[in-house]
Every structure is written in C-alpha cells, then in structure tokens.
Amino acid sequence: MTMYAEVIGHPISHSKSPLIHGHWLRLLGISGEYRAHDVLPENLEQYFATRAADANWRGCNITIPHKIAALDFVNDPGDVRASIGAINTVFRNESGALVATNTDAGGFYGPIADVPIVGETAIVIGAGGAARAVLFALAQADVGEVVLVARNALKAAGLLAHFGLKGKVIGFEARLPDAALLVNASPLGMVGQEALDINLSPLPEHALVYDLVYAPIETPLLKAARARDLETVDGLEMLVGQAAIAFELFFGVAPPEEGEDELRALLLK
C-alpha cells in the first residue's frame, strides 16, 4: 500500500494543500499521496482513531474548525496546548504515536522575518486558531503592541494576556490605529465566508498588510491595500511555508527548493 498524508477540515474543498504536497512528491519521485478529507466536528475523534490504526497514514494538516479540538485526540509532547493553544499538523513519530505540532507560526513569520516590527504596533483580525499562531510569532518577534480586532472581546483579551502581549481589543466597527502591520487571521473574505469590511485609510504609508486567506488569493483586503500602494503578503506565502515544515515531518525529506515559480503558477490557476 502507498503511504499518504492529508489535510482535514470542514469544509475542505477549497484547500490547496494537495496541490502543494503533490507537486513536491512528484519532483522528488516519492511514491506517496496527499489527499483532502472532509471531517465533521463530531467525527474528529473517530477520524484519529481510524488513522492511528492505518500504518500507511503519515499524518495530516488541520484547518478550520479543528485546530483546537484536535488537541484532545493526539499526543502533545511539546505542550503546544500551553504555548500556541492550537495545532495545524499531526504526524506519526518513530514509535508510531500521533504527535501534535503547529507549523503555522513559522509559516506566518517567514515572509516578514526581515520586516522591522520590533517595538511597532500590529493589528490582528481574528481570535481563532490561526490568530493564536500569529500572536505567538509576534510575541517572539518583540512587537510593541497588538490591537486585536474581534467580536468576542473577552476571548480576545484572554489571548493577549496568554501570550504576554501589550495591547487592546477593538470591534470591527472601530477605527483602526496607526500600525506597521495588519494581519487578517480570520476566515473573513474566504470563499463561502462573510466578507471582511474594514477601512484601511488610517494605516500609514509604510504599513504591510498580510492576509492569511488563500481562497481567493487576491482578496478584497489585499486589493484595498494595493490601491493605497501598501506592501502586501498573500495567503500563499504562509500556506507554502507551513506546508514545507509539515512535508518533512510526513515524508522524512525537505521539499525541493527548485520549482517554486512553477508551484505558485499551479496554485494561481
């Protein structure tokens, strides 16, 4: 039987992860597969029980809405629950156990590693699993203040406290503050989700706008940012970055460095 990994979520048809991992598998000549599998929340426990018994299953990436709930069904030796509080990857370790990790934080930070955000203000939209990874990364980067845009102010304030970040919580109707970085870590603007309606005019000319949504690639948020000539980062940057870390955990080899332009063209079709 062929070894395989997959991405799980609900819904999952929008996922581009099979294209990414499939591309790398072909380039490396690895006999393996990467699939998309729709898992309902009530079936999550059974999913992991079934996959644990399948020796050909190498692991999975995890997307909405399972990034927090999945922690209840896998091993967490790195205590991701206490740090980021959400996972996006489960892999089978050398002893066969299912192990949780989070590659989102590294995937998010890679494209902005050279951006001077130390001591600066960052705006983060959302308070879910993706936002947790972003806040974790920003805390490690010594950002000055974080303004969290969220509907649930109590939950969002708890996240700032959890990551030891200075800042405040505002609603979607509030005027944005002056900030060097704005990150959409919510599903707003994604295909099948509500639109993200936010006014970028308060942002300074040097601000960078980063949208984690990758379906569509050209989101209304990014269009609005580019209309102001602001620097932007699209969701493919993080998607490919976190996928590269997960690929090595699944298949035991790093993805090839060549073929990046071909991969992006494939993802933009």
Protein backbone atom coordinates (compact mmCIF):
# COMPACT_ATOMS: atom_id res chain seq x y z
CA MET A 1 0.00 0.00 0.00
CA THR A 2 1.09 3.59 -0.67
CA MET A 3 1.92 5.89 2.23
CA TYR A 4 -0.16 9.05 2.37
CA ALA A 5 -0.86 12.24 4.29
CA GLU A 6 -3.83 14.55 4.03
CA VAL A 7 -5.46 17.80 5.09
CA ILE A 8 -8.63 17.74 7.17
CA GLY A 9 -11.24 20.38 7.86
CA HIS A 10 -14.88 21.26 7.26
CA PRO A 11 -15.27 22.46 4.58
CA ILE A 12 -12.13 21.32 2.80
CA SER A 13 -12.80 21.53 -0.94
CA HIS A 14 -11.06 24.94 -1.13
CA SER A 15 -7.74 23.58 0.20
CA LYS A 16 -4.68 23.94 -1.99
CA SER A 17 -2.53 21.70 0.22
CA PRO A 18 -2.95 18.64 -2.07
CA LEU A 19 -1.53 20.68 -4.97
CA ILE A 20 1.47 21.78 -2.91
CA HIS A 21 2.39 18.41 -1.44
CA GLY A 22 1.58 16.60 -4.67
CA HIS A 23 3.93 18.91 -6.55
CA TRP A 24 6.78 18.17 -4.15
CA LEU A 25 6.12 14.43 -4.18
CA ARG A 26 6.36 14.41 -7.98
CA LEU A 27 9.56 16.46 -8.06
CA LEU A 28 11.22 14.18 -5.54
CA GLY A 29 9.93 10.98 -7.14
CA ILE A 30 8.40 9.80 -3.87
CA SER A 31 5.80 7.07 -4.04
CA GLY A 32 3.21 8.69 -1.83
CA GLU A 33 -0.04 10.62 -1.89
CA TYR A 34 -1.52 13.69 -0.24
CA ARG A 35 -5.29 13.99 -0.03
CA ALA A 36 -8.07 16.27 1.23
CA HIS A 37 -10.56 14.75 3.65
CA ASP A 38 -13.70 16.45 4.95
CA VAL A 39 -14.19 15.68 8.64
CA LEU A 40 -17.24 16.83 10.57
CA PRO A 41 -16.55 18.07 14.11
CA GLU A 42 -18.50 15.19 15.65
CA ASN A 43 -16.36 12.69 13.71
CA LEU A 44 -12.96 14.08 14.71
CA GLU A 45 -12.24 11.56 17.48
CA GLN A 46 -13.16 8.62 15.23
CA TYR A 47 -11.01 10.05 12.43
CA PHE A 48 -7.86 9.97 14.54
CA ALA A 49 -8.67 6.53 15.94
CA THR A 50 -9.06 5.15 12.42
CA ARG A 51 -5.91 6.80 11.07
CA ALA A 52 -3.85 5.68 14.08
CA ALA A 53 -4.57 2.10 13.06
CA ASP A 54 -3.54 2.73 9.43
CA ALA A 55 0.23 2.19 9.10
CA ASN A 56 0.26 3.90 5.69
CA TRP A 57 -1.04 7.19 7.10
CA ARG A 58 1.85 9.56 7.79
CA GLY A 59 -0.11 12.46 9.24
CA CYS A 60 -2.38 15.38 8.43
CA ASN A 61 -2.58 19.13 8.24
CA ILE A 62 -5.52 20.62 10.10
CA THR A 63 -7.63 23.60 9.15
CA ILE A 64 -10.89 25.23 10.25
CA PRO A 65 -12.63 24.26 12.52
CA HIS A 66 -10.41 21.58 14.11
CA LYS A 67 -7.20 23.38 15.15
CA ILE A 68 -8.09 23.46 18.83
CA ALA A 69 -10.39 20.46 19.18
CA ALA A 70 -7.82 18.07 17.64
CA LEU A 71 -5.57 18.54 20.68
CA ASP A 72 -7.90 16.27 22.64
CA PHE A 73 -7.14 13.25 20.47
CA VAL A 74 -3.35 13.24 19.90
CA ASN A 75 -0.13 13.38 21.92
CA ASP A 76 1.28 16.80 22.75
CA PRO A 77 4.86 16.27 23.98
CA GLY A 78 5.88 19.82 23.07
CA ASP A 79 2.95 21.23 25.10
CA VAL A 80 1.54 23.16 22.16
CA ARG A 81 -1.68 23.46 24.17
CA ALA A 82 0.08 25.65 26.73
CA SER A 83 2.02 27.73 24.20
CA ILE A 84 0.10 28.39 20.99
CA GLY A 85 -3.04 26.60 22.11
CA ALA A 86 -3.88 25.27 18.65
CA ILE A 87 -2.35 22.79 16.22
CA ASN A 88 -2.28 22.56 12.44
CA THR A 89 -0.26 19.37 11.97
CA VAL A 90 -0.31 15.84 13.35
CA PHE A 91 2.39 13.37 12.35
CA ARG A 92 3.40 9.82 13.24
CA ASN A 93 6.66 9.72 15.17
CA GLU A 94 9.26 6.93 15.11
CA SER A 95 7.38 4.91 17.70
CA GLY A 96 4.13 5.22 15.75
CA ALA A 97 2.40 7.67 18.12
CA LEU A 98 0.35 10.56 16.72
CA VAL A 99 2.08 13.80 17.69
CA ALA A 100 0.72 17.35 17.55
CA THR A 101 2.63 20.40 16.40
CA ASN A 102 2.00 23.81 14.85
CA THR A 103 3.81 24.91 11.71
CA ASP A 104 1.60 27.98 11.24
CA ALA A 105 3.74 30.24 13.42
CA GLY A 106 6.89 29.52 11.40
CA GLY A 107 4.99 29.67 8.12
CA PHE A 108 3.47 33.01 9.06
CA TYR A 109 6.67 34.66 10.22
CA GLY A 110 8.94 33.55 7.36
CA PRO A 111 7.72 36.12 4.78
CA ILE A 112 8.07 39.03 7.23
CA ALA A 113 11.27 37.98 9.02
CA ASP A 114 13.09 40.98 7.55
CA VAL A 115 10.34 43.49 8.27
CA PRO A 116 11.28 45.83 11.16
CA ILE A 117 8.38 45.25 13.57
CA VAL A 118 10.27 45.26 16.88
CA GLY A 119 8.51 47.76 19.12
CA GLU A 120 5.92 48.55 16.43
CA THR A 121 2.14 48.26 16.62
CA ALA A 122 0.48 45.32 14.86
CA ILE A 123 -3.21 44.80 14.14
CA VAL A 124 -4.51 41.23 14.11
CA ILE A 125 -8.01 40.41 12.89
CA GLY A 126 -9.49 37.28 14.43
CA ALA A 127 -9.22 35.29 17.64
CA GLY A 128 -9.23 31.67 16.48
CA GLY A 129 -6.57 29.03 15.89
CA ALA A 130 -4.74 30.93 13.14
CA ALA A 131 -4.70 34.09 15.26
CA ARG A 132 -3.09 32.13 18.10
CA ALA A 133 -0.17 31.17 15.85
CA VAL A 134 0.20 34.76 14.65
CA LEU A 135 0.17 36.14 18.20
CA PHE A 136 2.72 33.55 19.30
CA ALA A 137 5.04 34.59 16.46
CA LEU A 138 4.56 38.30 17.13
CA ALA A 139 5.38 37.78 20.81
CA GLN A 140 8.64 36.07 19.83
CA ALA A 141 9.39 38.97 17.47
CA ASP A 142 9.11 41.54 20.28
CA VAL A 143 6.33 43.52 18.66
CA GLY A 144 5.44 46.59 20.70
CA GLU A 145 1.65 46.47 20.89
CA VAL A 146 -1.07 44.33 19.36
CA VAL A 147 -4.54 45.63 18.58
CA LEU A 148 -6.82 42.63 18.25
CA VAL A 149 -9.95 43.08 16.13
CA ALA A 150 -12.55 40.58 17.31
CA ARG A 151 -16.25 40.09 18.00
CA ASN A 152 -15.68 38.41 21.37
CA ALA A 153 -13.76 41.00 23.40
CA LEU A 154 -13.35 38.78 26.47
CA LYS A 155 -11.89 35.89 24.48
CA ALA A 156 -9.58 38.22 22.56
CA ALA A 157 -8.34 39.94 25.73
CA GLY A 158 -7.58 36.50 27.14
CA LEU A 159 -5.40 35.75 24.11
CA LEU A 160 -3.36 38.92 24.58
CA ALA A 161 -2.81 38.00 28.22
CA HIS A 162 -1.95 34.40 27.33
CA PHE A 163 0.86 35.48 25.02
CA GLY A 164 2.06 38.26 27.31
CA LEU A 165 1.31 40.93 24.72
CA LYS A 166 0.57 44.57 25.43
CA GLY A 167 -2.38 45.94 23.54
CA LYS A 168 -6.14 46.20 23.38
CA VAL A 169 -9.22 44.74 21.73
CA ILE A 170 -11.46 46.69 19.37
CA GLY A 171 -14.58 45.81 17.41
CA PHE A 172 -14.90 45.63 13.64
CA GLU A 173 -16.72 48.95 13.59
CA ALA A 174 -13.88 50.80 15.34
CA ARG A 175 -11.35 52.97 13.51
CA LEU A 176 -8.01 51.24 13.01
CA PRO A 177 -4.99 52.72 14.78
CA ASP A 178 -1.67 53.68 13.20
CA ALA A 179 0.21 50.39 12.75
CA ALA A 180 3.17 48.94 10.87
CA LEU A 181 1.49 45.57 10.26
CA LEU A 182 -2.07 44.38 9.73
CA VAL A 183 -2.80 40.66 9.61
CA ASN A 184 -6.12 39.06 8.72
CA ALA A 185 -6.03 35.82 10.72
CA SER A 186 -9.77 35.25 10.40
CA PRO A 187 -11.70 33.35 7.71
CA LEU A 188 -13.44 36.57 6.68
CA GLY A 189 -13.02 37.11 2.96
CA MET A 190 -12.58 33.41 2.25
CA VAL A 191 -14.75 31.71 -0.35
CA GLY A 192 -18.00 30.76 1.36
CA GLN A 193 -17.42 33.09 4.33
CA GLU A 194 -18.57 36.59 5.19
CA ALA A 195 -16.75 39.49 3.58
CA LEU A 196 -14.15 41.44 5.54
CA ASP A 197 -15.33 45.04 5.59
CA ILE A 198 -12.59 47.21 7.07
CA ASN A 199 -11.29 50.70 6.31
CA LEU A 200 -7.52 50.79 5.76
CA SER A 201 -7.24 54.57 5.43
CA PRO A 202 -5.78 55.07 8.95
CA LEU A 203 -2.76 52.91 8.12
CA PRO A 204 0.49 54.77 7.37
CA GLU A 205 2.25 54.52 4.00
CA HIS A 206 4.88 52.11 5.36
CA ALA A 207 2.32 49.60 6.68
CA LEU A 208 2.33 45.99 5.48
CA VAL A 209 -0.99 44.15 5.00
CA TYR A 210 -0.87 40.36 5.33
CA ASP A 211 -3.95 38.25 4.54
CA LEU A 212 -3.78 34.59 5.57
CA VAL A 213 -6.78 33.79 3.36
CA TYR A 214 -5.68 32.00 0.18
CA ALA A 215 -9.02 31.20 -1.45
CA PRO A 216 -9.24 33.57 -3.23
CA ILE A 217 -5.61 34.63 -3.49
CA GLU A 218 -6.49 38.20 -4.41
CA THR A 219 -8.79 39.11 -1.52
CA PRO A 220 -10.68 42.40 -1.25
CA LEU A 221 -8.38 43.27 1.68
CA LEU A 222 -5.28 42.90 -0.48
CA LYS A 223 -6.91 44.81 -3.33
CA ALA A 224 -7.68 47.67 -0.97
CA ALA A 225 -4.12 47.65 0.35
CA ARG A 226 -2.59 47.66 -3.13
CA ALA A 227 -4.90 50.51 -4.14
CA ARG A 228 -3.06 52.51 -1.47
CA ASP A 229 0.33 51.21 -2.64
CA LEU A 230 0.86 49.41 0.67
CA GLU A 231 3.17 46.41 0.79
CA THR A 232 1.24 43.13 0.88
CA VAL A 233 1.73 39.44 1.60
CA ASP A 234 -0.86 36.96 0.36
CA GLY A 235 -2.02 33.71 1.94
CA LEU A 236 0.08 31.53 -0.38
CA GLU A 237 3.26 32.69 1.36
CA MET A 238 2.20 31.26 4.72
CA LEU A 239 0.47 28.27 3.17
CA VAL A 240 3.62 27.13 1.35
CA GLY A 241 5.85 27.98 4.29
CA GLN A 242 3.94 25.92 6.83
CA ALA A 243 3.45 23.14 4.29
CA ALA A 244 7.20 22.81 3.79
CA ILE A 245 7.71 22.14 7.50
CA ALA A 246 4.88 19.62 7.57
CA PHE A 247 6.05 17.85 4.39
CA GLU A 248 9.36 16.94 6.02
CA LEU A 249 7.55 15.61 9.10
CA PHE A 250 5.29 13.44 6.91
CA PHE A 251 7.73 12.13 4.32
CA GLY A 252 11.14 12.44 6.01
CA VAL A 253 12.71 14.78 3.46
CA ALA A 254 12.62 18.54 2.91
CA PRO A 255 10.73 19.77 -0.17
CA PRO A 256 12.90 20.74 -3.14
CA GLU A 257 13.97 24.36 -3.47
CA GLU A 258 13.58 24.32 -7.23
CA GLY A 259 10.17 24.64 -8.83
CA GLU A 260 8.90 27.50 -6.64
CA ASP A 261 7.71 29.57 -9.60
CA GLU A 262 6.04 26.52 -11.12
CA LEU A 263 4.30 25.80 -7.81
CA ARG A 264 2.96 29.33 -7.46
CA ALA A 265 1.69 29.27 -11.05
CA LEU A 266 -0.04 25.98 -10.28
CA LEU A 267 -1.69 27.43 -7.20
CA LEU A 268 -2.90 30.51 -9.05
CA LYS A 269 -4.77 28.57 -11.71
